[in-house]
C-alpha atoms as a PDB file:
ATOM      1  CA  UNK A   1      -0.184 -10.541  -1.769  1.00  0.00           C
ATOM      2  CA  UNK A   2      -2.107  -9.563   0.633  1.00  0.00           C
ATOM      3  CA  UNK A   3      -1.202  -5.620   1.921  1.00  0.00           C
ATOM      4  CA  UNK A   4      -2.554  -3.311   4.184  1.00  0.00           C
ATOM      5  CA  UNK A   5      -1.897  -0.112   1.923  1.00  0.00           C
ATOM      6  CA  UNK A   6      -5.793   0.880   1.910  1.00  0.00           C
ATOM      7  CA  UNK A   7      -6.037   0.809   5.362  1.00  0.00           C
ATOM      8  CA  UNK A   8      -2.325   2.565   6.385  1.00  0.00           C
ATOM      9  CA  UNK A   9      -3.427   5.209   3.661  1.00  0.00           C
ATOM     10  CA  UNK A  10      -6.894   5.741   5.027  1.00  0.00           C
ATOM     11  CA  UNK A  11      -5.614   6.419   8.738  1.00  0.00           C
ATOM     12  CA  UNK A  12      -3.692   9.088   6.992  1.00  0.00           C
ATOM     13  CA  UNK A  13      -6.354  10.955   5.260  1.00  0.00           C
ATOM     14  CA  UNK A  14      -4.672   9.887   1.582  1.00  0.00           C
ATOM     15  CA  UNK A  15      -6.702   9.310  -1.375  1.00  0.00           C
ATOM     16  CA  UNK A  16      -5.423   7.001  -3.851  1.00  0.00           C
ATOM     17  CA  UNK A  17      -4.405   9.865  -5.851  1.00  0.00           C
ATOM     18  CA  UNK A  18      -2.296  11.289  -3.325  1.00  0.00           C
ATOM     19  CA  UNK A  19      -0.593   8.172  -2.609  1.00  0.00           C
ATOM     20  CA  UNK A  20      -0.048   7.745  -6.375  1.00  0.00           C
ATOM     21  CA  UNK A  21       1.566  11.323  -6.487  1.00  0.00           C
ATOM     22  CA  UNK A  22       3.658  10.730  -3.848  1.00  0.00           C
ATOM     23  CA  UNK A  23       5.310   7.435  -5.050  1.00  0.00           C
ATOM     24  CA  UNK A  24       5.238   8.126  -8.921  1.00  0.00           C
ATOM     25  CA  UNK A  25       3.021   5.680  -9.953  1.00  0.00           C
ATOM     26  CA  UNK A  26      -1.157   6.068 -11.225  1.00  0.00           C
ATOM     27  CA  UNK A  27      -3.793   6.024  -9.130  1.00  0.00           C
ATOM     28  CA  UNK A  28      -5.011   3.109 -10.821  1.00  0.00           C
ATOM     29  CA  UNK A  29      -1.954   1.497  -9.902  1.00  0.00           C
ATOM     30  CA  UNK A  30      -2.935   2.310  -6.466  1.00  0.00           C
ATOM     31  CA  UNK A  31      -6.360   0.448  -6.812  1.00  0.00           C
ATOM     32  CA  UNK A  32      -4.509  -2.241  -8.234  1.00  0.00           C
ATOM     33  CA  UNK A  33      -2.283  -2.812  -5.925  1.00  0.00           C
ATOM     34  CA  UNK A  34      -5.152  -2.363  -2.933  1.00  0.00           C
ATOM     35  CA  UNK A  35      -7.117  -5.017  -4.492  1.00  0.00           C
ATOM     36  CA  UNK A  36      -4.399  -7.218  -5.077  1.00  0.00           C
ATOM     37  CA  UNK A  37      -4.763  -7.342  -8.401  1.00  0.00           C
ATOM     38  CA  UNK A  38      -1.222  -6.489  -9.402  1.00  0.00           C
ATOM     39  CA  UNK A  39       2.401  -6.930  -7.555  1.00  0.00           C
ATOM     40  CA  UNK A  40       4.430  -3.961  -7.112  1.00  0.00           C
ATOM     41  CA  UNK A  41       7.986  -4.512  -7.544  1.00  0.00           C
ATOM     42  CA  UNK A  42      10.030  -3.949  -4.194  1.00  0.00           C
ATOM     43  CA  UNK A  43      10.909  -0.406  -4.918  1.00  0.00           C
ATOM     44  CA  UNK A  44       7.234   0.461  -5.325  1.00  0.00           C
ATOM     45  CA  UNK A  45       7.070  -1.129  -2.066  1.00  0.00           C
ATOM     46  CA  UNK A  46       9.796   0.722  -0.481  1.00  0.00           C
ATOM     47  CA  UNK A  47       8.188   4.087  -1.883  1.00  0.00           C
ATOM     48  CA  UNK A  48       4.860   2.832  -0.342  1.00  0.00           C
ATOM     49  CA  UNK A  49       5.974   2.285   2.867  1.00  0.00           C
ATOM     50  CA  UNK A  50       8.051   5.259   3.107  1.00  0.00           C
ATOM     51  CA  UNK A  51       5.323   7.616   2.126  1.00  0.00           C
ATOM     52  CA  UNK A  52       2.866   5.691   4.646  1.00  0.00           C
ATOM     53  CA  UNK A  53       5.608   6.068   7.045  1.00  0.00           C
ATOM     54  CA  UNK A  54       5.565   2.575   7.745  1.00  0.00           C
ATOM     55  CA  UNK A  55       7.584  -0.469   7.337  1.00  0.00           C
ATOM     56  CA  UNK A  56       7.096  -3.048   4.703  1.00  0.00           C
ATOM     57  CA  UNK A  57       6.707  -6.045   7.553  1.00  0.00           C
ATOM     58  CA  UNK A  58       3.085  -4.201   8.560  1.00  0.00           C
ATOM     59  CA  UNK A  59       2.008  -3.506   5.458  1.00  0.00           C
ATOM     60  CA  UNK A  60       2.933  -6.634   3.808  1.00  0.00           C
ATOM     61  CA  UNK A  61       3.649  -9.342   6.382  1.00  0.00           C
ATOM     62  CA  UNK A  62       0.606 -11.774   7.205  1.00  0.00           C
ATOM     63  CA  UNK A  63       1.227 -12.157  10.809  1.00  0.00           C
ATOM     64  CA  UNK A  64      -0.073  -8.446  11.164  1.00  0.00           C
ATOM     65  CA  UNK A  65      -3.417  -9.072   9.330  1.00  0.00           C
ATOM     66  CA  UNK A  66      -6.762 -10.024  10.844  1.00  0.00           C
ATOM     67  CA  UNK A  67      -7.884 -13.285  10.596  1.00  0.00           C
ATOM     68  CA  UNK A  68     -10.622 -12.544   8.764  1.00  0.00           C
ATOM     69  CA  UNK A  69      -8.347 -11.219   6.027  1.00  0.00           C
END
């Protein structure tokens, strides 16, 4: 599952640790999600989107990704 979590997190000046603490997961889990090595539950995806101030569509829908991704 491709995602734009890293991009949105950096735009908001957040570290992986910051995001993890607000979502209620570990920093390692954030890293795994960002590198496509772990597919989070819908509940976690919704929390991430909420913390990052965006919707699931913008984070996970391929139509919003650059063509080289």
